[in-house]
Amino acid sequence: MLAGCTERDCEGNPVSISASPDTAGAAASVHSVEAPVGSTLDGESVSDVMVAYDGDFDAGGVEPGDVRRSGFEEPDGTFTSEPVTDVSDAGGLSFTFGNDLTLADGGKVVLEYGAVTNETAADDYTVYVVMGGTECSTTFTVTPAPASDFGSGADGWQVATPRGSRTYPTTRRTRAIPRRRSLPGTTSPATRRTSWPPTSSWAICPRSTAGR
């Protein structure tokens, strides 16, 4: 349990978190969090929501521009979008909304954000969601990365390995090969060989023996 928070009973209103991709070491993963609201927080207003990953899972680096969807879904399914204006990383990702969210029993807070690098070890991780001073936890599973998962991108080919992924550039620098000069009456050795004597208008004259 996080310091300064009150644990609440999550049965019947479990928090859910999913990721795409959810493989170990995947970069730029998109995480989606849904935190249902029960009677404890009915009618409360919150200005921020914290998502804290337990253990060695470091989800830092998320910025407001990485938030794809944020707001509150009413019990009848109506979704009210509320932009995130600030994301701080102090013991967890704290998402601050432009305006307070008014919570209602049976509704849920929705957050979807990218720029997360999944933990390199495939395992189950506890994730805490804190709203209005109360918290609820769930389990997030990071799956093993395939031994050979190839994908091409703007930076090159990305290869997933058990310890994460590596990117290999699609181009590499090459050293220019000097051009060979050809002798008169011949062409480049790579195209054609010229026999001797040349079969052109040249003439081969016998050496004069006069005066000897």
C-alpha atoms as a PDB file:
ATOM      1  CA  MET A   1       0.000   0.000   0.000  1.00  0.00           C
ATOM      2  CA  LEU A   2       1.253   3.484  -0.842  1.00  0.00           C
ATOM      3  CA  ALA A   3       2.082   5.866   1.996  1.00  0.00           C
ATOM      4  CA  GLY A   4      -0.675   8.304   2.899  1.00  0.00           C
ATOM      5  CA  CYS A   5      -3.403   6.325   1.155  1.00  0.00           C
ATOM      6  CA  THR A   6      -6.324   4.297   2.432  1.00  0.00           C
ATOM      7  CA  GLU A   7      -6.882   0.823   1.047  1.00  0.00           C
ATOM      8  CA  ARG A   8     -10.378   0.108  -0.203  1.00  0.00           C
ATOM      9  CA  ASP A   9     -12.217  -3.056  -1.072  1.00  0.00           C
ATOM     10  CA  CYS A  10     -11.890  -3.605  -4.824  1.00  0.00           C
ATOM     11  CA  GLU A  11     -14.148  -6.618  -5.135  1.00  0.00           C
ATOM     12  CA  GLY A  12     -16.840  -5.921  -7.677  1.00  0.00           C
ATOM     13  CA  ASN A  13     -14.978  -2.813  -8.926  1.00  0.00           C
ATOM     14  CA  PRO A  14     -11.555  -4.050 -10.004  1.00  0.00           C
ATOM     15  CA  VAL A  15      -9.054  -1.729 -11.630  1.00  0.00           C
ATOM     16  CA  SER A  16      -7.835  -2.953 -14.999  1.00  0.00           C
ATOM     17  CA  ILE A  17      -4.656  -2.194 -16.927  1.00  0.00           C
ATOM     18  CA  SER A  18      -3.579  -3.421 -20.334  1.00  0.00           C
ATOM     19  CA  ALA A  19      -0.695  -2.628 -22.677  1.00  0.00           C
ATOM     20  CA  SER A  20       0.033  -2.819 -26.383  1.00  0.00           C
ATOM     21  CA  PRO A  21       2.493  -4.353 -26.804  1.00  0.00           C
ATOM     22  CA  ASP A  22       2.752  -6.090 -23.428  1.00  0.00           C
ATOM     23  CA  THR A  23       6.020  -7.893 -24.159  1.00  0.00           C
ATOM     24  CA  ALA A  24       9.141  -7.503 -22.054  1.00  0.00           C
ATOM     25  CA  GLY A  25      11.410  -4.630 -23.063  1.00  0.00           C
ATOM     26  CA  ALA A  26       8.950  -3.244 -25.619  1.00  0.00           C
ATOM     27  CA  ALA A  27       9.483   0.464 -26.197  1.00  0.00           C
ATOM     28  CA  ALA A  28       6.739   3.044 -26.765  1.00  0.00           C
ATOM     29  CA  SER A  29       4.142   0.738 -25.248  1.00  0.00           C
ATOM     30  CA  VAL A  30       0.625   2.171 -24.822  1.00  0.00           C
ATOM     31  CA  HIS A  31      -0.920   1.510 -21.394  1.00  0.00           C
ATOM     32  CA  SER A  32      -4.663   1.736 -20.770  1.00  0.00           C
ATOM     33  CA  VAL A  33      -6.035   2.110 -17.234  1.00  0.00           C
ATOM     34  CA  GLU A  34      -9.667   1.924 -16.156  1.00  0.00           C
ATOM     35  CA  ALA A  35     -10.475   2.648 -12.506  1.00  0.00           C
ATOM     36  CA  PRO A  36     -14.127   2.008 -11.585  1.00  0.00           C
ATOM     37  CA  VAL A  37     -15.664   4.228  -8.917  1.00  0.00           C
ATOM     38  CA  GLY A  38     -17.620   2.745  -6.031  1.00  0.00           C
ATOM     39  CA  SER A  39     -19.850   4.271  -3.377  1.00  0.00           C
ATOM     40  CA  THR A  40     -16.821   5.450  -1.348  1.00  0.00           C
ATOM     41  CA  LEU A  41     -15.943   8.125  -3.915  1.00  0.00           C
ATOM     42  CA  ASP A  42     -19.446   8.856  -5.194  1.00  0.00           C
ATOM     43  CA  GLY A  43     -19.824  12.620  -5.688  1.00  0.00           C
ATOM     44  CA  GLU A  44     -16.146  13.340  -5.000  1.00  0.00           C
ATOM     45  CA  SER A  45     -14.093  15.674  -7.208  1.00  0.00           C
ATOM     46  CA  VAL A  46     -10.468  14.840  -8.011  1.00  0.00           C
ATOM     47  CA  SER A  47      -7.868  16.968  -9.740  1.00  0.00           C
ATOM     48  CA  ASP A  48      -5.376  14.182 -10.332  1.00  0.00           C
ATOM     49  CA  VAL A  49      -5.002  10.417 -10.477  1.00  0.00           C
ATOM     50  CA  MET A  50      -1.811   8.487  -9.741  1.00  0.00           C
ATOM     51  CA  VAL A  51      -0.757   5.232 -11.383  1.00  0.00           C
ATOM     52  CA  ALA A  52       2.136   3.595  -9.524  1.00  0.00           C
ATOM     53  CA  TYR A  53       4.020   0.541 -10.765  1.00  0.00           C
ATOM     54  CA  ASP A  54       5.467  -1.692  -8.069  1.00  0.00           C
ATOM     55  CA  GLY A  55       8.921  -3.246  -8.003  1.00  0.00           C
ATOM     56  CA  ASP A  56      11.580  -2.338 -10.566  1.00  0.00           C
ATOM     57  CA  PHE A  57       9.036  -1.276 -13.198  1.00  0.00           C
ATOM     58  CA  ASP A  58       9.994   2.274 -14.190  1.00  0.00           C
ATOM     59  CA  ALA A  59       7.327   3.932 -16.336  1.00  0.00           C
ATOM     60  CA  GLY A  60       8.868   7.404 -16.129  1.00  0.00           C
ATOM     61  CA  GLY A  61       9.188   9.649 -19.159  1.00  0.00           C
ATOM     62  CA  VAL A  62       5.468  10.054 -19.900  1.00  0.00           C
ATOM     63  CA  GLU A  63       4.484  13.629 -20.793  1.00  0.00           C
ATOM     64  CA  PRO A  64       1.085  15.293 -21.300  1.00  0.00           C
ATOM     65  CA  GLY A  65       1.500  14.952 -25.061  1.00  0.00           C
ATOM     66  CA  ASP A  66       1.756  11.176 -24.660  1.00  0.00           C
ATOM     67  CA  VAL A  67      -1.743  10.939 -23.130  1.00  0.00           C
ATOM     68  CA  ARG A  68      -4.122   9.695 -25.814  1.00  0.00           C
ATOM     69  CA  ARG A  69      -7.331   9.521 -23.810  1.00  0.00           C
ATOM     70  CA  SER A  70      -8.307  10.844 -20.388  1.00  0.00           C
ATOM     71  CA  GLY A  71     -11.525  11.596 -18.591  1.00  0.00           C
ATOM     72  CA  PHE A  72     -14.513  10.025 -16.855  1.00  0.00           C
ATOM     73  CA  GLU A  73     -17.039   7.552 -18.184  1.00  0.00           C
ATOM     74  CA  GLU A  74     -20.482   7.937 -16.595  1.00  0.00           C
ATOM     75  CA  PRO A  75     -22.518   4.913 -15.460  1.00  0.00           C
ATOM     76  CA  ASP A  76     -24.652   5.248 -18.612  1.00  0.00           C
ATOM     77  CA  GLY A  77     -21.559   5.027 -20.836  1.00  0.00           C
ATOM     78  CA  THR A  78     -21.285   8.736 -21.615  1.00  0.00           C
ATOM     79  CA  PHE A  79     -17.630   9.737 -21.754  1.00  0.00           C
ATOM     80  CA  THR A  80     -16.474  13.204 -20.696  1.00  0.00           C
ATOM     81  CA  SER A  81     -12.969  13.947 -21.964  1.00  0.00           C
ATOM     82  CA  GLU A  82     -10.702  16.008 -19.718  1.00  0.00           C
ATOM     83  CA  PRO A  83      -7.189  16.807 -20.997  1.00  0.00           C
ATOM     84  CA  VAL A  84      -4.154  16.102 -18.841  1.00  0.00           C
ATOM     85  CA  THR A  85      -2.091  19.249 -18.325  1.00  0.00           C
ATOM     86  CA  ASP A  86       0.776  17.808 -16.298  1.00  0.00           C
ATOM     87  CA  VAL A  87       2.427  14.459 -15.593  1.00  0.00           C
ATOM     88  CA  SER A  88       4.866  14.160 -12.707  1.00  0.00           C
ATOM     89  CA  ASP A  89       6.876  11.134 -11.645  1.00  0.00           C
ATOM     90  CA  ALA A  90       7.194  11.024  -7.864  1.00  0.00           C
ATOM     91  CA  GLY A  91       6.644   7.508  -6.640  1.00  0.00           C
ATOM     92  CA  GLY A  92       4.269   6.968  -9.547  1.00  0.00           C
ATOM     93  CA  LEU A  93       2.823   8.740 -12.566  1.00  0.00           C
ATOM     94  CA  SER A  94       0.581  11.549 -11.314  1.00  0.00           C
ATOM     95  CA  PHE A  95      -1.802  12.798 -14.025  1.00  0.00           C
ATOM     96  CA  THR A  96      -3.196  16.291 -13.373  1.00  0.00           C
ATOM     97  CA  PHE A  97      -6.375  17.264 -15.231  1.00  0.00           C
ATOM     98  CA  GLY A  98      -7.203  20.702 -16.583  1.00  0.00           C
ATOM     99  CA  ASN A  99     -10.468  20.616 -14.625  1.00  0.00           C
ATOM    100  CA  ASP A 100     -11.533  18.426 -11.723  1.00  0.00           C
ATOM    101  CA  LEU A 101     -13.276  15.155 -12.467  1.00  0.00           C
ATOM    102  CA  THR A 102     -16.604  14.663 -10.694  1.00  0.00           C
ATOM    103  CA  LEU A 103     -16.875  10.980  -9.826  1.00  0.00           C
ATOM    104  CA  ALA A 104     -20.056   8.932  -9.686  1.00  0.00           C
ATOM    105  CA  ASP A 105     -20.760   5.459  -8.367  1.00  0.00           C
ATOM    106  CA  GLY A 106     -20.751   3.008 -11.261  1.00  0.00           C
ATOM    107  CA  GLY A 107     -18.577   5.167 -13.518  1.00  0.00           C
ATOM    108  CA  LYS A 108     -14.854   4.893 -14.169  1.00  0.00           C
ATOM    109  CA  VAL A 109     -11.790   7.050 -14.697  1.00  0.00           C
ATOM    110  CA  VAL A 110     -10.058   6.305 -17.994  1.00  0.00           C
ATOM    111  CA  LEU A 111      -6.396   6.945 -18.862  1.00  0.00           C
ATOM    112  CA  GLU A 112      -4.524   5.876 -21.981  1.00  0.00           C
ATOM    113  CA  TYR A 113      -0.915   6.950 -22.449  1.00  0.00           C
ATOM    114  CA  GLY A 114       2.107   5.949 -24.502  1.00  0.00           C
ATOM    115  CA  ALA A 115       5.891   6.356 -24.264  1.00  0.00           C
ATOM    116  CA  VAL A 116       6.199   3.579 -21.683  1.00  0.00           C
ATOM    117  CA  THR A 117       9.092   1.104 -21.875  1.00  0.00           C
ATOM    118  CA  ASN A 118       8.011  -2.216 -20.416  1.00  0.00           C
ATOM    119  CA  GLU A 119      10.150  -3.896 -17.798  1.00  0.00           C
ATOM    120  CA  THR A 120      12.744  -6.202 -19.385  1.00  0.00           C
ATOM    121  CA  ALA A 121      11.809  -9.131 -17.147  1.00  0.00           C
ATOM    122  CA  ALA A 122       8.600 -10.998 -17.953  1.00  0.00           C
ATOM    123  CA  ASP A 123       6.611 -11.196 -14.711  1.00  0.00           C
ATOM    124  CA  ASP A 124       3.503 -10.069 -12.847  1.00  0.00           C
ATOM    125  CA  TYR A 125       3.682  -6.516 -11.471  1.00  0.00           C
ATOM    126  CA  THR A 126       1.367  -4.825  -9.002  1.00  0.00           C
ATOM    127  CA  VAL A 127      -0.086  -1.531 -10.200  1.00  0.00           C
ATOM    128  CA  TYR A 128      -1.754   0.915  -7.805  1.00  0.00           C
ATOM    129  CA  VAL A 129      -4.299   3.522  -8.834  1.00  0.00           C
ATOM    130  CA  VAL A 130      -4.842   6.351  -6.335  1.00  0.00           C
ATOM    131  CA  MET A 131      -7.876   8.657  -6.483  1.00  0.00           C
ATOM    132  CA  GLY A 132      -9.095  11.009  -3.780  1.00  0.00           C
ATOM    133  CA  GLY A 133      -6.704   9.603  -1.188  1.00  0.00           C
ATOM    134  CA  THR A 134      -7.865   6.011  -1.673  1.00  0.00           C
ATOM    135  CA  GLU A 135      -6.089   3.338  -3.651  1.00  0.00           C
ATOM    136  CA  CYS A 136      -6.863   0.130  -5.443  1.00  0.00           C
ATOM    137  CA  SER A 137      -4.408  -2.347  -6.923  1.00  0.00           C
ATOM    138  CA  THR A 138      -4.354  -4.822  -9.755  1.00  0.00           C
ATOM    139  CA  THR A 139      -1.863  -7.102 -11.479  1.00  0.00           C
ATOM    140  CA  PHE A 140      -0.200  -6.232 -14.765  1.00  0.00           C
ATOM    141  CA  THR A 141       1.468  -9.089 -16.639  1.00  0.00           C
ATOM    142  CA  VAL A 142       4.510  -8.501 -18.835  1.00  0.00           C
ATOM    143  CA  THR A 143       4.820 -11.375 -21.288  1.00  0.00           C
ATOM    144  CA  PRO A 144       8.083 -12.851 -22.639  1.00  0.00           C
ATOM    145  CA  ALA A 145       9.406 -11.334 -25.828  1.00  0.00           C
ATOM    146  CA  PRO A 146       9.566 -13.726 -28.810  1.00  0.00           C
ATOM    147  CA  ALA A 147      13.051 -14.991 -29.631  1.00  0.00           C
ATOM    148  CA  SER A 148      12.777 -13.666 -33.196  1.00  0.00           C
ATOM    149  CA  ASP A 149      10.368 -10.809 -33.581  1.00  0.00           C
ATOM    150  CA  PHE A 150      11.369  -8.642 -36.525  1.00  0.00           C
ATOM    151  CA  GLY A 151       9.790  -5.355 -37.429  1.00  0.00           C
ATOM    152  CA  SER A 152      10.902  -2.464 -39.606  1.00  0.00           C
ATOM    153  CA  GLY A 153      10.580   1.158 -38.625  1.00  0.00           C
ATOM    154  CA  ALA A 154      11.911   4.597 -39.460  1.00  0.00           C
ATOM    155  CA  ASP A 155      15.135   3.893 -37.576  1.00  0.00           C
ATOM    156  CA  GLY A 156      15.733   0.465 -39.050  1.00  0.00           C
ATOM    157  CA  TRP A 157      14.976  -3.119 -38.213  1.00  0.00           C
ATOM    158  CA  GLN A 158      13.952  -3.812 -34.619  1.00  0.00           C
ATOM    159  CA  VAL A 159      14.745  -7.229 -33.211  1.00  0.00           C
ATOM    160  CA  ALA A 160      13.119  -8.340 -29.959  1.00  0.00           C
ATOM    161  CA  THR A 161      15.272 -10.458 -27.687  1.00  0.00           C
ATOM    162  CA  PRO A 162      14.658 -11.931 -24.223  1.00  0.00           C
ATOM    163  CA  ARG A 163      16.494  -8.940 -22.715  1.00  0.00           C
ATOM    164  CA  GLY A 164      14.661  -6.312 -24.721  1.00  0.00           C
ATOM    165  CA  SER A 165      14.845  -5.052 -28.270  1.00  0.00           C
ATOM    166  CA  ARG A 166      17.645  -3.716 -30.447  1.00  0.00           C
ATOM    167  CA  THR A 167      17.395  -1.587 -33.558  1.00  0.00           C
ATOM    168  CA  TYR A 168      19.660  -2.134 -36.539  1.00  0.00           C
ATOM    169  CA  PRO A 169      19.899   0.610 -39.195  1.00  0.00           C
ATOM    170  CA  THR A 170      18.638  -0.231 -42.651  1.00  0.00           C
ATOM    171  CA  THR A 171      21.662   1.407 -44.302  1.00  0.00           C
ATOM    172  CA  ARG A 172      25.337   1.389 -43.530  1.00  0.00           C
ATOM    173  CA  ARG A 173      28.247   3.465 -44.710  1.00  0.00           C
ATOM    174  CA  THR A 174      30.377   1.907 -47.423  1.00  0.00           C
ATOM    175  CA  ARG A 175      33.833   2.834 -48.649  1.00  0.00           C
ATOM    176  CA  ALA A 176      34.046   3.848 -52.280  1.00  0.00           C
ATOM    177  CA  ILE A 177      36.166   1.542 -54.452  1.00  0.00           C
ATOM    178  CA  PRO A 178      38.721   3.475 -56.572  1.00  0.00           C
ATOM    179  CA  ARG A 179      38.086   3.303 -60.301  1.00  0.00           C
ATOM    180  CA  ARG A 180      40.776   1.466 -62.228  1.00  0.00           C
ATOM    181  CA  ARG A 181      42.313   3.216 -65.186  1.00  0.00           C
ATOM    182  CA  SER A 182      42.333   1.479 -68.543  1.00  0.00           C
ATOM    183  CA  LEU A 183      45.244   1.345 -70.983  1.00  0.00           C
ATOM    184  CA  PRO A 184      44.837   2.901 -74.434  1.00  0.00           C
ATOM    185  CA  GLY A 185      42.900   0.622 -76.715  1.00  0.00           C
ATOM    186  CA  THR A 186      41.211  -1.236 -73.845  1.00  0.00           C
ATOM    187  CA  THR A 187      38.071  -0.854 -71.760  1.00  0.00           C
ATOM    188  CA  SER A 188      37.368  -1.474 -68.144  1.00  0.00           C
ATOM    189  CA  PRO A 189      38.331  -5.022 -67.130  1.00  0.00           C
ATOM    190  CA  ALA A 190      34.848  -5.434 -65.737  1.00  0.00           C
ATOM    191  CA  THR A 191      33.257  -5.108 -69.170  1.00  0.00           C
ATOM    192  CA  ARG A 192      35.443  -6.579 -71.868  1.00  0.00           C
ATOM    193  CA  ARG A 193      38.918  -7.890 -72.479  1.00  0.00           C
ATOM    194  CA  THR A 194      40.745  -6.536 -75.510  1.00  0.00           C
ATOM    195  CA  SER A 195      43.033  -8.935 -77.406  1.00  0.00           C
ATOM    196  CA  TRP A 196      46.411  -7.949 -78.779  1.00  0.00           C
ATOM    197  CA  PRO A 197      47.123  -6.811 -81.377  1.00  0.00           C
ATOM    198  CA  PRO A 198      44.162  -4.447 -81.578  1.00  0.00           C
ATOM    199  CA  THR A 199      41.707  -5.160 -84.367  1.00  0.00           C
ATOM    200  CA  SER A 200      41.431  -1.528 -85.347  1.00  0.00           C
ATOM    201  CA  SER A 201      42.997   0.540 -88.123  1.00  0.00           C
ATOM    202  CA  TRP A 202      46.379   0.284 -86.517  1.00  0.00           C
ATOM    203  CA  ALA A 203      49.109  -1.455 -88.559  1.00  0.00           C
ATOM    204  CA  ILE A 204      52.051  -3.474 -87.328  1.00  0.00           C
ATOM    205  CA  CYS A 205      55.056  -2.597 -89.513  1.00  0.00           C
ATOM    206  CA  PRO A 206      58.106  -4.830 -89.793  1.00  0.00           C
ATOM    207  CA  ARG A 207      61.297  -3.309 -88.468  1.00  0.00           C
ATOM    208  CA  SER A 208      63.404  -1.806 -91.304  1.00  0.00           C
ATOM    209  CA  THR A 209      66.799  -3.491 -91.831  1.00  0.00           C
ATOM    210  CA  ALA A 210      68.075  -0.838 -94.204  1.00  0.00           C
ATOM    211  CA  GLY A 211      71.449   0.545 -93.401  1.00  0.00           C
ATOM    212  CA  ARG A 212      72.561  -2.455 -91.379  1.00  0.00           C
END
